[in-house]
Amino acid sequence: MTSTGFNPEMINQGNTGVAIDHRNRGLGRWLKAALIKHVLSEMPKVTKIRSENDVTNEPMLNINNQMGFKPIYSESYWMITTLDVNKYLNAK
């Protein structure tokens, strides 16, 4: 977990990862909750916890939804190779 730097009341909880061989046992939920409990006891000024995950990561989306996290921002990245963009431009 890291503070956002400019706001001591908000913290960003980064990646919560569980090795493939150990998934589907509730470890992600336990890990995320344990980290949040740690923040609540060690950082009393924190009033907001921000978390991020890919919209295709259904297990983590389920955990975040069940814990009460709400979406606040969405972003999409698009990519094309220069070869493909040149094909498009030259076809015109």
PDB file of N, CA and C in Angstrom:
ATOM      1  N   MET A   1       0.840  -1.168   0.000  1.00  0.00           N
ATOM      2  CA  MET A   1       0.000   0.000   0.000  1.00  0.00           C
ATOM      3  C   MET A   1       0.883   1.229   0.000  1.00  0.00           C
ATOM      4  N   THR A   2       0.452   2.228  -0.732  1.00  0.00           N
ATOM      5  CA  THR A   2       1.204   3.472  -0.761  1.00  0.00           C
ATOM      6  C   THR A   2       0.257   4.636  -0.608  1.00  0.00           C
ATOM      7  N   SER A   3       0.755   5.665   0.036  1.00  0.00           N
ATOM      8  CA  SER A   3      -0.007   6.900   0.126  1.00  0.00           C
ATOM      9  C   SER A   3       0.037   7.553  -1.235  1.00  0.00           C
ATOM     10  N   THR A   4      -0.988   8.314  -1.575  1.00  0.00           N
ATOM     11  CA  THR A   4      -1.003   8.990  -2.865  1.00  0.00           C
ATOM     12  C   THR A   4      -0.049  10.177  -2.867  1.00  0.00           C
ATOM     13  N   GLY A   5       0.601  10.468  -1.744  1.00  0.00           N
ATOM     14  CA  GLY A   5       1.601  11.523  -1.685  1.00  0.00           C
ATOM     15  C   GLY A   5       1.033  12.875  -1.326  1.00  0.00           C
ATOM     16  N   PHE A   6      -0.014  13.287  -1.963  1.00  0.00           N
ATOM     17  CA  PHE A   6      -0.571  14.610  -1.728  1.00  0.00           C
ATOM     18  C   PHE A   6      -1.763  14.594  -0.792  1.00  0.00           C
ATOM     19  N   ASN A   7      -2.291  13.454  -0.472  1.00  0.00           N
ATOM     20  CA  ASN A   7      -3.481  13.370   0.373  1.00  0.00           C
ATOM     21  C   ASN A   7      -3.277  12.285   1.430  1.00  0.00           C
ATOM     22  N   PRO A   8      -2.962  12.676   2.666  1.00  0.00           N
ATOM     23  CA  PRO A   8      -2.709  11.670   3.703  1.00  0.00           C
ATOM     24  C   PRO A   8      -3.949  10.876   4.104  1.00  0.00           C
ATOM     25  N   GLU A   9      -5.123  11.303   3.629  1.00  0.00           N
ATOM     26  CA  GLU A   9      -6.353  10.586   3.959  1.00  0.00           C
ATOM     27  C   GLU A   9      -6.677   9.481   2.959  1.00  0.00           C
ATOM     28  N   MET A  10      -5.913   9.415   1.853  1.00  0.00           N
ATOM     29  CA  MET A  10      -6.185   8.417   0.822  1.00  0.00           C
ATOM     30  C   MET A  10      -4.954   7.554   0.595  1.00  0.00           C
ATOM     31  N   ILE A  11      -5.199   6.271   0.426  1.00  0.00           N
ATOM     32  CA  ILE A  11      -4.104   5.338   0.149  1.00  0.00           C
ATOM     33  C   ILE A  11      -4.487   4.493  -1.057  1.00  0.00           C
ATOM     34  N   ASN A  12      -3.485   4.053  -1.800  1.00  0.00           N
ATOM     35  CA  ASN A  12      -3.712   3.209  -2.963  1.00  0.00           C
ATOM     36  C   ASN A  12      -3.262   1.791  -2.639  1.00  0.00           C
ATOM     37  N   GLN A  13      -4.198   0.850  -2.693  1.00  0.00           N
ATOM     38  CA  GLN A  13      -3.844  -0.554  -2.504  1.00  0.00           C
ATOM     39  C   GLN A  13      -3.546  -1.126  -3.879  1.00  0.00           C
ATOM     40  N   GLY A  14      -2.289  -1.510  -4.080  1.00  0.00           N
ATOM     41  CA  GLY A  14      -1.857  -2.006  -5.381  1.00  0.00           C
ATOM     42  C   GLY A  14      -2.244  -3.449  -5.624  1.00  0.00           C
ATOM     43  N   ASN A  15      -1.400  -4.135  -6.319  1.00  0.00           N
ATOM     44  CA  ASN A  15      -1.682  -5.501  -6.763  1.00  0.00           C
ATOM     45  C   ASN A  15      -1.929  -6.470  -5.608  1.00  0.00           C
ATOM     46  N   THR A  16      -2.954  -7.272  -5.758  1.00  0.00           N
ATOM     47  CA  THR A  16      -3.219  -8.389  -4.850  1.00  0.00           C
ATOM     48  C   THR A  16      -3.110  -9.639  -5.704  1.00  0.00           C
ATOM     49  N   GLY A  17      -2.016 -10.363  -5.561  1.00  0.00           N
ATOM     50  CA  GLY A  17      -1.793 -11.515  -6.428  1.00  0.00           C
ATOM     51  C   GLY A  17      -1.711 -12.816  -5.663  1.00  0.00           C
ATOM     52  N   VAL A  18      -2.270 -13.851  -6.255  1.00  0.00           N
ATOM     53  CA  VAL A  18      -2.207 -15.196  -5.690  1.00  0.00           C
ATOM     54  C   VAL A  18      -1.694 -16.121  -6.792  1.00  0.00           C
ATOM     55  N   ALA A  19      -0.688 -16.926  -6.458  1.00  0.00           N
ATOM     56  CA  ALA A  19      -0.114 -17.863  -7.424  1.00  0.00           C
ATOM     57  C   ALA A  19      -1.208 -18.799  -7.958  1.00  0.00           C
ATOM     58  N   ILE A  20      -1.112 -19.145  -9.223  1.00  0.00           N
ATOM     59  CA  ILE A  20      -2.126 -19.960  -9.899  1.00  0.00           C
ATOM     60  C   ILE A  20      -2.466 -21.230  -9.119  1.00  0.00           C
ATOM     61  N   ASP A  21      -1.470 -21.904  -8.582  1.00  0.00           N
ATOM     62  CA  ASP A  21      -1.704 -23.161  -7.863  1.00  0.00           C
ATOM     63  C   ASP A  21      -2.505 -22.982  -6.575  1.00  0.00           C
ATOM     64  N   HIS A  22      -2.643 -21.751  -6.103  1.00  0.00           N
ATOM     65  CA  HIS A  22      -3.308 -21.500  -4.825  1.00  0.00           C
ATOM     66  C   HIS A  22      -4.592 -20.686  -4.962  1.00  0.00           C
ATOM     67  N   ARG A  23      -5.054 -20.482  -6.175  1.00  0.00           N
ATOM     68  CA  ARG A  23      -6.268 -19.693  -6.397  1.00  0.00           C
ATOM     69  C   ARG A  23      -7.525 -20.472  -6.031  1.00  0.00           C
ATOM     70  N   ASN A  24      -8.632 -19.752  -5.923  1.00  0.00           N
ATOM     71  CA  ASN A  24      -9.949 -20.311  -5.615  1.00  0.00           C
ATOM     72  C   ASN A  24     -10.024 -20.924  -4.214  1.00  0.00           C
ATOM     73  N   ARG A  25      -9.275 -20.343  -3.304  1.00  0.00           N
ATOM     74  CA  ARG A  25      -9.308 -20.791  -1.913  1.00  0.00           C
ATOM     75  C   ARG A  25      -9.598 -19.636  -0.961  1.00  0.00           C
ATOM     76  N   GLY A  26      -9.911 -18.465  -1.511  1.00  0.00           N
ATOM     77  CA  GLY A  26     -10.212 -17.304  -0.671  1.00  0.00           C
ATOM     78  C   GLY A  26      -8.983 -16.530  -0.224  1.00  0.00           C
ATOM     79  N   LEU A  27      -7.803 -16.875  -0.768  1.00  0.00           N
ATOM     80  CA  LEU A  27      -6.586 -16.193  -0.340  1.00  0.00           C
ATOM     81  C   LEU A  27      -6.525 -14.736  -0.778  1.00  0.00           C
ATOM     82  N   GLY A  28      -7.020 -14.430  -1.971  1.00  0.00           N
ATOM     83  CA  GLY A  28      -7.039 -13.043  -2.444  1.00  0.00           C
ATOM     84  C   GLY A  28      -7.898 -12.176  -1.545  1.00  0.00           C
ATOM     85  N   ARG A  29      -9.057 -12.672  -1.181  1.00  0.00           N
ATOM     86  CA  ARG A  29      -9.972 -11.954  -0.292  1.00  0.00           C
ATOM     87  C   ARG A  29      -9.315 -11.755   1.076  1.00  0.00           C
ATOM     88  N   TRP A  30      -8.709 -12.829   1.595  1.00  0.00           N
ATOM     89  CA  TRP A  30      -8.053 -12.757   2.897  1.00  0.00           C
ATOM     90  C   TRP A  30      -6.904 -11.750   2.860  1.00  0.00           C
ATOM     91  N   LEU A  31      -6.081 -11.816   1.796  1.00  0.00           N
ATOM     92  CA  LEU A  31      -4.928 -10.931   1.675  1.00  0.00           C
ATOM     93  C   LEU A  31      -5.356  -9.469   1.601  1.00  0.00           C
ATOM     94  N   LYS A  32      -6.340  -9.195   0.764  1.00  0.00           N
ATOM     95  CA  LYS A  32      -6.806  -7.807   0.620  1.00  0.00           C
ATOM     96  C   LYS A  32      -7.373  -7.298   1.942  1.00  0.00           C
ATOM     97  N   ALA A  33      -8.172  -8.105   2.607  1.00  0.00           N
ATOM     98  CA  ALA A  33      -8.756  -7.702   3.892  1.00  0.00           C
ATOM     99  C   ALA A  33      -7.675  -7.513   4.950  1.00  0.00           C
ATOM    100  N   ALA A  34      -6.677  -8.403   4.994  1.00  0.00           N
ATOM    101  CA  ALA A  34      -5.600  -8.283   5.980  1.00  0.00           C
ATOM    102  C   ALA A  34      -4.810  -6.991   5.780  1.00  0.00           C
ATOM    103  N   LEU A  35      -4.544  -6.645   4.519  1.00  0.00           N
ATOM    104  CA  LEU A  35      -3.821  -5.404   4.241  1.00  0.00           C
ATOM    105  C   LEU A  35      -4.639  -4.180   4.655  1.00  0.00           C
ATOM    106  N   ILE A  36      -5.938  -4.216   4.400  1.00  0.00           N
ATOM    107  CA  ILE A  36      -6.795  -3.094   4.789  1.00  0.00           C
ATOM    108  C   ILE A  36      -6.860  -2.973   6.309  1.00  0.00           C
ATOM    109  N   LYS A  37      -6.961  -4.093   7.012  1.00  0.00           N
ATOM    110  CA  LYS A  37      -6.959  -4.058   8.480  1.00  0.00           C
ATOM    111  C   LYS A  37      -5.656  -3.452   9.001  1.00  0.00           C
ATOM    112  N   HIS A  38      -4.552  -3.788   8.363  1.00  0.00           N
ATOM    113  CA  HIS A  38      -3.252  -3.237   8.749  1.00  0.00           C
ATOM    114  C   HIS A  38      -3.250  -1.711   8.566  1.00  0.00           C
ATOM    115  N   VAL A  39      -3.741  -1.255   7.445  1.00  0.00           N
ATOM    116  CA  VAL A  39      -3.803   0.183   7.188  1.00  0.00           C
ATOM    117  C   VAL A  39      -4.667   0.876   8.239  1.00  0.00           C
ATOM    118  N   LEU A  40      -5.821   0.310   8.537  1.00  0.00           N
ATOM    119  CA  LEU A  40      -6.725   0.921   9.509  1.00  0.00           C
ATOM    120  C   LEU A  40      -6.076   1.045  10.886  1.00  0.00           C
ATOM    121  N   SER A  41      -5.237   0.079  11.255  1.00  0.00           N
ATOM    122  CA  SER A  41      -4.611   0.138  12.578  1.00  0.00           C
ATOM    123  C   SER A  41      -3.344   0.991  12.590  1.00  0.00           C
ATOM    124  N   GLU A  42      -2.614   1.037  11.481  1.00  0.00           N
ATOM    125  CA  GLU A  42      -1.324   1.742  11.446  1.00  0.00           C
ATOM    126  C   GLU A  42      -1.392   3.154  10.879  1.00  0.00           C
ATOM    127  N   MET A  43      -2.435   3.463  10.152  1.00  0.00           N
ATOM    128  CA  MET A  43      -2.534   4.768   9.488  1.00  0.00           C
ATOM    129  C   MET A  43      -3.910   5.378   9.779  1.00  0.00           C
ATOM    130  N   PRO A  44      -4.111   5.875  10.981  1.00  0.00           N
ATOM    131  CA  PRO A  44      -5.437   6.347  11.384  1.00  0.00           C
ATOM    132  C   PRO A  44      -5.973   7.543  10.598  1.00  0.00           C
ATOM    133  N   LYS A  45      -5.112   8.267   9.893  1.00  0.00           N
ATOM    134  CA  LYS A  45      -5.581   9.410   9.097  1.00  0.00           C
ATOM    135  C   LYS A  45      -6.264   8.975   7.803  1.00  0.00           C
ATOM    136  N   VAL A  46      -6.031   7.734   7.371  1.00  0.00           N
ATOM    137  CA  VAL A  46      -6.598   7.257   6.114  1.00  0.00           C
ATOM    138  C   VAL A  46      -8.115   7.094   6.253  1.00  0.00           C
ATOM    139  N   THR A  47      -8.845   7.729   5.350  1.00  0.00           N
ATOM    140  CA  THR A  47     -10.306   7.622   5.330  1.00  0.00           C
ATOM    141  C   THR A  47     -10.823   7.032   4.026  1.00  0.00           C
ATOM    142  N   LYS A  48      -9.926   6.914   3.016  1.00  0.00           N
ATOM    143  CA  LYS A  48     -10.323   6.368   1.718  1.00  0.00           C
ATOM    144  C   LYS A  48      -9.230   5.437   1.214  1.00  0.00           C
ATOM    145  N   ILE A  49      -9.664   4.297   0.656  1.00  0.00           N
ATOM    146  CA  ILE A  49      -8.729   3.333   0.073  1.00  0.00           C
ATOM    147  C   ILE A  49      -9.105   3.155  -1.389  1.00  0.00           C
ATOM    148  N   ARG A  50      -8.130   3.386  -2.242  1.00  0.00           N
ATOM    149  CA  ARG A  50      -8.331   3.248  -3.680  1.00  0.00           C
ATOM    150  C   ARG A  50      -7.672   1.951  -4.135  1.00  0.00           C
ATOM    151  N   SER A  51      -8.309   1.253  -5.040  1.00  0.00           N
ATOM    152  CA  SER A  51      -7.779   0.003  -5.569  1.00  0.00           C
ATOM    153  C   SER A  51      -7.996   0.003  -7.073  1.00  0.00           C
ATOM    154  N   GLU A  52      -7.177  -0.738  -7.774  1.00  0.00           N
ATOM    155  CA  GLU A  52      -7.284  -0.779  -9.234  1.00  0.00           C
ATOM    156  C   GLU A  52      -7.242  -2.223  -9.698  1.00  0.00           C
ATOM    157  N   ASN A  53      -7.983  -2.519 -10.731  1.00  0.00           N
ATOM    158  CA  ASN A  53      -7.823  -3.810 -11.388  1.00  0.00           C
ATOM    159  C   ASN A  53      -8.414  -3.769 -12.785  1.00  0.00           C
ATOM    160  N   ASP A  54      -7.960  -4.699 -13.586  1.00  0.00           N
ATOM    161  CA  ASP A  54      -8.414  -4.834 -14.963  1.00  0.00           C
ATOM    162  C   ASP A  54      -9.891  -5.235 -14.972  1.00  0.00           C
ATOM    163  N   VAL A  55     -10.662  -4.659 -15.866  1.00  0.00           N
ATOM    164  CA  VAL A  55     -12.094  -4.967 -15.927  1.00  0.00           C
ATOM    165  C   VAL A  55     -12.369  -6.398 -16.379  1.00  0.00           C
ATOM    166  N   THR A  56     -11.334  -7.112 -16.821  1.00  0.00           N
ATOM    167  CA  THR A  56     -11.516  -8.509 -17.209  1.00  0.00           C
ATOM    168  C   THR A  56     -11.123  -9.473 -16.086  1.00  0.00           C
ATOM    169  N   ASN A  57     -10.639  -8.949 -14.969  1.00  0.00           N
ATOM    170  CA  ASN A  57     -10.227  -9.791 -13.843  1.00  0.00           C
ATOM    171  C   ASN A  57     -11.426 -10.015 -12.927  1.00  0.00           C
ATOM    172  N   GLU A  58     -12.284 -10.947 -13.340  1.00  0.00           N
ATOM    173  CA  GLU A  58     -13.540 -11.176 -12.624  1.00  0.00           C
ATOM    174  C   GLU A  58     -13.367 -11.572 -11.157  1.00  0.00           C
ATOM    175  N   PRO A  59     -12.409 -12.434 -10.816  1.00  0.00           N
ATOM    176  CA  PRO A  59     -12.259 -12.765  -9.391  1.00  0.00           C
ATOM    177  C   PRO A  59     -11.964 -11.534  -8.524  1.00  0.00           C
ATOM    178  N   MET A  60     -11.088 -10.643  -9.004  1.00  0.00           N
ATOM    179  CA  MET A  60     -10.768  -9.449  -8.209  1.00  0.00           C
ATOM    180  C   MET A  60     -11.927  -8.464  -8.229  1.00  0.00           C
ATOM    181  N   LEU A  61     -12.630  -8.365  -9.337  1.00  0.00           N
ATOM    182  CA  LEU A  61     -13.826  -7.514  -9.381  1.00  0.00           C
ATOM    183  C   LEU A  61     -14.848  -7.986  -8.357  1.00  0.00           C
ATOM    184  N   ASN A  62     -15.026  -9.310  -8.253  1.00  0.00           N
ATOM    185  CA  ASN A  62     -15.964  -9.860  -7.269  1.00  0.00           C
ATOM    186  C   ASN A  62     -15.555  -9.494  -5.848  1.00  0.00           C
ATOM    187  N   ILE A  63     -14.270  -9.631  -5.544  1.00  0.00           N
ATOM    188  CA  ILE A  63     -13.780  -9.282  -4.210  1.00  0.00           C
ATOM    189  C   ILE A  63     -14.020  -7.804  -3.927  1.00  0.00           C
ATOM    190  N   ASN A  64     -13.638  -6.946  -4.882  1.00  0.00           N
ATOM    191  CA  ASN A  64     -13.823  -5.507  -4.678  1.00  0.00           C
ATOM    192  C   ASN A  64     -15.297  -5.160  -4.495  1.00  0.00           C
ATOM    193  N   ASN A  65     -16.162  -5.747  -5.304  1.00  0.00           N
ATOM    194  CA  ASN A  65     -17.604  -5.478  -5.169  1.00  0.00           C
ATOM    195  C   ASN A  65     -18.132  -5.955  -3.827  1.00  0.00           C
ATOM    196  N   GLN A  66     -17.744  -7.163  -3.420  1.00  0.00           N
ATOM    197  CA  GLN A  66     -18.220  -7.711  -2.148  1.00  0.00           C
ATOM    198  C   GLN A  66     -17.728  -6.893  -0.957  1.00  0.00           C
ATOM    199  N   MET A  67     -16.532  -6.322  -1.065  1.00  0.00           N
ATOM    200  CA  MET A  67     -15.999  -5.513   0.024  1.00  0.00           C
ATOM    201  C   MET A  67     -16.605  -4.109   0.044  1.00  0.00           C
ATOM    202  N   GLY A  68     -17.283  -3.716  -1.035  1.00  0.00           N
ATOM    203  CA  GLY A  68     -17.930  -2.416  -1.068  1.00  0.00           C
ATOM    204  C   GLY A  68     -17.209  -1.347  -1.867  1.00  0.00           C
ATOM    205  N   PHE A  69     -16.137  -1.716  -2.576  1.00  0.00           N
ATOM    206  CA  PHE A  69     -15.469  -0.746  -3.448  1.00  0.00           C
ATOM    207  C   PHE A  69     -16.423  -0.357  -4.573  1.00  0.00           C
ATOM    208  N   LYS A  70     -16.368   0.892  -4.983  1.00  0.00           N
ATOM    209  CA  LYS A  70     -17.200   1.401  -6.080  1.00  0.00           C
ATOM    210  C   LYS A  70     -16.304   1.957  -7.175  1.00  0.00           C
ATOM    211  N   PRO A  71     -16.669   1.747  -8.444  1.00  0.00           N
ATOM    212  CA  PRO A  71     -15.865   2.318  -9.538  1.00  0.00           C
ATOM    213  C   PRO A  71     -15.908   3.848  -9.493  1.00  0.00           C
ATOM    214  N   ILE A  72     -14.747   4.466  -9.690  1.00  0.00           N
ATOM    215  CA  ILE A  72     -14.697   5.931  -9.721  1.00  0.00           C
ATOM    216  C   ILE A  72     -14.074   6.460 -11.005  1.00  0.00           C
ATOM    217  N   TYR A  73     -13.429   5.586 -11.777  1.00  0.00           N
ATOM    218  CA  TYR A  73     -12.720   6.037 -12.966  1.00  0.00           C
ATOM    219  C   TYR A  73     -12.493   4.841 -13.882  1.00  0.00           C
ATOM    220  N   SER A  74     -12.580   5.057 -15.171  1.00  0.00           N
ATOM    221  CA  SER A  74     -12.328   3.993 -16.133  1.00  0.00           C
ATOM    222  C   SER A  74     -11.438   4.542 -17.248  1.00  0.00           C
ATOM    223  N   GLU A  75     -10.585   3.688 -17.761  1.00  0.00           N
ATOM    224  CA  GLU A  75      -9.632   4.115 -18.778  1.00  0.00           C
ATOM    225  C   GLU A  75      -9.409   2.972 -19.760  1.00  0.00           C
ATOM    226  N   SER A  76      -9.239   3.296 -21.038  1.00  0.00           N
ATOM    227  CA  SER A  76      -8.942   2.283 -22.058  1.00  0.00           C
ATOM    228  C   SER A  76      -7.687   2.683 -22.810  1.00  0.00           C
ATOM    229  N   TYR A  77      -6.875   1.697 -23.130  1.00  0.00           N
ATOM    230  CA  TYR A  77      -5.688   1.919 -23.948  1.00  0.00           C
ATOM    231  C   TYR A  77      -5.895   1.208 -25.271  1.00  0.00           C
ATOM    232  N   TRP A  78      -5.544   1.877 -26.351  1.00  0.00           N
ATOM    233  CA  TRP A  78      -5.658   1.293 -27.675  1.00  0.00           C
ATOM    234  C   TRP A  78      -4.267   1.278 -28.302  1.00  0.00           C
ATOM    235  N   MET A  79      -4.019   0.316 -29.170  1.00  0.00           N
ATOM    236  CA  MET A  79      -2.704   0.207 -29.774  1.00  0.00           C
ATOM    237  C   MET A  79      -2.842  -0.279 -31.210  1.00  0.00           C
ATOM    238  N   ILE A  80      -1.933   0.190 -32.042  1.00  0.00           N
ATOM    239  CA  ILE A  80      -1.834  -0.277 -33.422  1.00  0.00           C
ATOM    240  C   ILE A  80      -0.360  -0.307 -33.789  1.00  0.00           C
ATOM    241  N   THR A  81       0.015  -1.242 -34.644  1.00  0.00           N
ATOM    242  CA  THR A  81       1.406  -1.266 -35.098  1.00  0.00           C
ATOM    243  C   THR A  81       1.573  -0.217 -36.177  1.00  0.00           C
ATOM    244  N   THR A  82       2.787   0.258 -36.338  1.00  0.00           N
ATOM    245  CA  THR A  82       3.043   1.231 -37.403  1.00  0.00           C
ATOM    246  C   THR A  82       2.827   0.595 -38.770  1.00  0.00           C
ATOM    247  N   LEU A  83       3.077  -0.699 -38.893  1.00  0.00           N
ATOM    248  CA  LEU A  83       2.825  -1.404 -40.150  1.00  0.00           C
ATOM    249  C   LEU A  83       1.344  -1.335 -40.507  1.00  0.00           C
ATOM    250  N   ASP A  84       0.483  -1.617 -39.534  1.00  0.00           N
ATOM    251  CA  ASP A  84      -0.959  -1.580 -39.792  1.00  0.00           C
ATOM    252  C   ASP A  84      -1.462  -0.169 -40.064  1.00  0.00           C
ATOM    253  N   VAL A  85      -0.946   0.818 -39.365  1.00  0.00           N
ATOM    254  CA  VAL A  85      -1.404   2.181 -39.619  1.00  0.00           C
ATOM    255  C   VAL A  85      -0.947   2.646 -41.002  1.00  0.00           C
ATOM    256  N   ASN A  86       0.228   2.215 -41.416  1.00  0.00           N
ATOM    257  CA  ASN A  86       0.695   2.564 -42.776  1.00  0.00           C
ATOM    258  C   ASN A  86      -0.165   1.885 -43.835  1.00  0.00           C
ATOM    259  N   LYS A  87      -0.570   0.645 -43.608  1.00  0.00           N
ATOM    260  CA  LYS A  87      -1.485  -0.034 -44.542  1.00  0.00           C
ATOM    261  C   LYS A  87      -2.785   0.753 -44.662  1.00  0.00           C
ATOM    262  N   TYR A  88      -3.306   1.196 -43.539  1.00  0.00           N
ATOM    263  CA  TYR A  88      -4.552   1.975 -43.535  1.00  0.00           C
ATOM    264  C   TYR A  88      -4.370   3.288 -44.298  1.00  0.00           C
ATOM    265  N   LEU A  89      -3.296   4.003 -44.000  1.00  0.00           N
ATOM    266  CA  LEU A  89      -3.054   5.294 -44.635  1.00  0.00           C
ATOM    267  C   LEU A  89      -2.821   5.153 -46.129  1.00  0.00           C
ATOM    268  N   ASN A  90      -2.158   4.103 -46.539  1.00  0.00           N
ATOM    269  CA  ASN A  90      -1.866   3.910 -47.961  1.00  0.00           C
ATOM    270  C   ASN A  90      -3.056   3.384 -48.739  1.00  0.00           C
ATOM    271  N   ALA A  91      -4.063   2.863 -48.050  1.00  0.00           N
ATOM    272  CA  ALA A  91      -5.254   2.352 -48.718  1.00  0.00           C
ATOM    273  C   ALA A  91      -6.212   3.485 -49.091  1.00  0.00           C
ATOM    274  N   LYS A  92      -5.999   4.647 -48.577  1.00  0.00           N
ATOM    275  CA  LYS A  92      -6.908   5.780 -48.830  1.00  0.00           C
ATOM    276  C   LYS A  92      -6.631   6.464 -50.133  1.00  0.00           C
TER     277      LYS A  92
END
